[in-house]
Protein backbone atom coordinates (compact mmCIF):
# COMPACT_ATOMS: atom_id res chain seq x y z
CA UNK A 1 -110.56 -331.22 -7.73
CA UNK A 2 -112.90 -328.97 -5.78
CA UNK A 3 -112.68 -326.50 -2.93
CA UNK A 4 -115.75 -326.44 -0.71
CA UNK A 5 -115.88 -323.15 1.22
CA UNK A 6 -118.13 -323.00 4.26
CA UNK A 7 -118.57 -319.73 6.15
CA UNK A 8 -119.27 -319.61 9.87
CA UNK A 9 -119.25 -317.31 12.87
CA UNK A 10 -118.83 -317.93 16.58
CA UNK A 11 -122.61 -318.42 16.85
CA UNK A 12 -122.81 -321.41 14.48
CA UNK A 13 -119.21 -322.61 14.42
CA UNK A 14 -119.62 -325.78 16.50
CA UNK A 15 -122.33 -327.20 14.24
CA UNK A 16 -120.25 -326.67 11.09
CA UNK A 17 -117.02 -327.81 12.73
CA UNK A 18 -118.57 -331.00 14.12
CA UNK A 19 -120.12 -331.87 10.77
CA UNK A 20 -117.02 -331.20 8.65
CA UNK A 21 -114.17 -332.02 11.01
CA UNK A 22 -115.52 -334.82 13.20
CA UNK A 23 -112.77 -336.82 14.84
CA UNK A 24 -112.22 -340.20 13.29
CA UNK A 25 -113.72 -339.29 9.92
CA UNK A 26 -111.36 -338.95 6.99
CA UNK A 27 -113.68 -336.55 5.19
CA UNK A 28 -113.60 -338.67 2.07
CA UNK A 29 -109.90 -337.96 1.64
CA UNK A 30 -110.42 -334.21 1.56
CA UNK A 31 -107.83 -331.82 2.94
CA UNK A 32 -109.49 -330.11 5.92
CA UNK A 33 -108.59 -326.47 6.54
CA UNK A 34 -109.75 -323.86 9.00
CA UNK A 35 -109.17 -320.22 8.15
CA UNK A 36 -109.87 -317.73 10.92
CA UNK A 37 -110.55 -314.25 9.53
CA UNK A 38 -111.78 -310.82 10.55
CA UNK A 39 -115.34 -309.90 9.65
CA UNK A 40 -115.93 -308.10 6.35
CA UNK A 41 -117.17 -304.56 5.95
CA UNK A 42 -120.30 -304.83 3.78
CA UNK A 43 -119.58 -301.51 2.07
CA UNK A 44 -116.08 -302.46 0.86
CA UNK A 45 -115.93 -306.28 1.01
CA UNK A 46 -112.64 -305.84 2.90
CA UNK A 47 -112.06 -306.87 6.50
CA UNK A 48 -111.01 -304.59 9.34
CA UNK A 49 -107.76 -306.60 9.44
CA UNK A 50 -105.08 -305.50 6.93
CA UNK A 51 -103.23 -308.81 7.28
CA UNK A 52 -106.40 -310.72 6.34
CA UNK A 53 -106.89 -308.56 3.26
CA UNK A 54 -103.34 -309.35 2.10
CA UNK A 55 -103.25 -313.04 3.01
CA UNK A 56 -106.71 -314.19 1.96
CA UNK A 57 -106.23 -314.05 -1.83
CA UNK A 58 -102.82 -315.75 -1.55
CA UNK A 59 -104.29 -318.53 0.57
CA UNK A 60 -107.13 -319.11 -1.90
CA UNK A 61 -104.69 -319.16 -4.81
CA UNK A 62 -102.49 -321.77 -3.11
CA UNK A 63 -105.49 -323.90 -2.06
CA UNK A 64 -106.80 -323.90 -5.65
CA UNK A 65 -103.34 -324.82 -6.96
CA UNK A 66 -103.12 -327.77 -4.56
CA UNK A 67 -105.06 -329.99 -6.96
CA UNK A 68 -106.85 -331.88 -4.21
CA UNK A 69 -110.36 -331.88 -2.82
CA UNK A 70 -110.46 -329.40 0.04
CA UNK A 71 -113.00 -328.35 2.63
CA UNK A 72 -112.21 -324.84 3.85
CA UNK A 73 -114.10 -323.69 6.93
CA UNK A 74 -113.84 -319.90 7.00
CA UNK A 75 -114.47 -318.80 10.58
CA UNK A 76 -115.15 -315.10 11.05
CA UNK A 77 -114.01 -313.86 14.48
CA UNK A 78 -116.32 -310.84 14.67
CA UNK A 79 -115.75 -307.11 14.66
CA UNK A 80 -112.57 -305.63 16.07
CA UNK A 81 -113.84 -305.04 19.64
CA UNK A 82 -115.22 -308.59 19.79
CA UNK A 83 -111.92 -310.05 18.58
CA UNK A 84 -109.86 -307.92 21.01
CA UNK A 85 -111.65 -309.44 24.00
CA UNK A 86 -109.15 -311.78 25.73
CA UNK A 87 -112.08 -314.10 26.51
CA UNK A 88 -113.03 -314.49 22.81
CA UNK A 89 -114.10 -318.15 22.43
CA UNK A 90 -111.42 -319.01 19.88
CA UNK A 91 -108.68 -317.35 21.92
CA UNK A 92 -109.43 -319.59 24.90
CA UNK A 93 -110.52 -322.79 23.08
CA UNK A 94 -107.70 -325.32 23.66
CA UNK A 95 -108.14 -326.66 20.12
CA UNK A 96 -107.23 -323.32 18.56
CA UNK A 97 -105.78 -320.80 21.09
CA UNK A 98 -105.81 -318.05 18.49
CA UNK A 99 -103.59 -315.05 19.03
CA UNK A 100 -104.11 -313.33 15.69
CA UNK A 101 -105.93 -313.34 12.39
CA UNK A 102 -105.60 -314.62 9.81
CA UNK A 103 -104.73 -318.07 11.08
CA UNK A 104 -104.73 -321.12 8.78
CA UNK A 105 -104.93 -324.59 10.34
CA UNK A 106 -104.74 -327.98 8.62
CA UNK A 107 -106.89 -330.43 10.57
CA UNK A 108 -106.10 -334.17 10.58
CA UNK A 109 -107.10 -337.02 12.85
CA UNK A 110 -109.10 -334.79 15.17
CA UNK A 111 -106.38 -332.21 15.82
CA UNK A 112 -104.38 -329.38 14.31
CA UNK A 113 -101.65 -330.97 12.19
CA UNK A 114 -100.15 -327.72 10.89
CA UNK A 115 -100.69 -324.06 11.60
CA UNK A 116 -99.79 -320.73 10.05
CA UNK A 117 -100.24 -317.54 12.04
CA UNK A 118 -100.96 -313.98 11.05
CA UNK A 119 -97.29 -313.04 10.64
CA UNK A 120 -96.71 -315.58 7.83
CA UNK A 121 -100.17 -316.28 6.40
CA UNK A 122 -99.46 -314.21 3.28
CA UNK A 123 -96.32 -316.17 2.28
CA UNK A 124 -97.01 -318.67 -0.51
CA UNK A 125 -94.19 -321.04 0.47
CA UNK A 126 -95.39 -321.17 4.09
CA UNK A 127 -98.98 -321.78 2.94
CA UNK A 128 -97.75 -324.57 0.66
CA UNK A 129 -95.92 -326.17 3.60
CA UNK A 130 -99.15 -326.27 5.61
CA UNK A 131 -101.12 -327.64 2.67
CA UNK A 132 -98.63 -330.25 1.45
CA UNK A 133 -96.55 -331.42 4.37
CA UNK A 134 -98.00 -330.97 7.82
CA UNK A 135 -94.84 -332.27 9.47
CA UNK A 136 -92.67 -329.48 8.04
CA UNK A 137 -94.97 -326.57 9.00
CA UNK A 138 -94.73 -324.85 12.35
């Protein structure tokens, strides 16, 4: 089982999203995940978002443990001032309506099937619920 990680920003998101998450395509049976994260600081390899720094390794651990083929689109929201803008594209996009980072979304049949927000994205059991049983996640 393999995890394909694809990194994107606001500038090139639509091209990656359309290719990997096109409505009506099953993705070859792969689990499709979107992970919205804060941008990394090149000098430390950490993000400006403490919640992202805590949640990210737990999410990757749980995705690897899933034992299924996964495509993980990591979408970087930008620097802190860019993300704080209420008109940020992913805050206003009706598909996502992000309010915080990190946010993990399981995508099925052209829509968000399960979602985990910044307040719970570091909890292994909540991550597992999103990965394994979309109907039981909030």
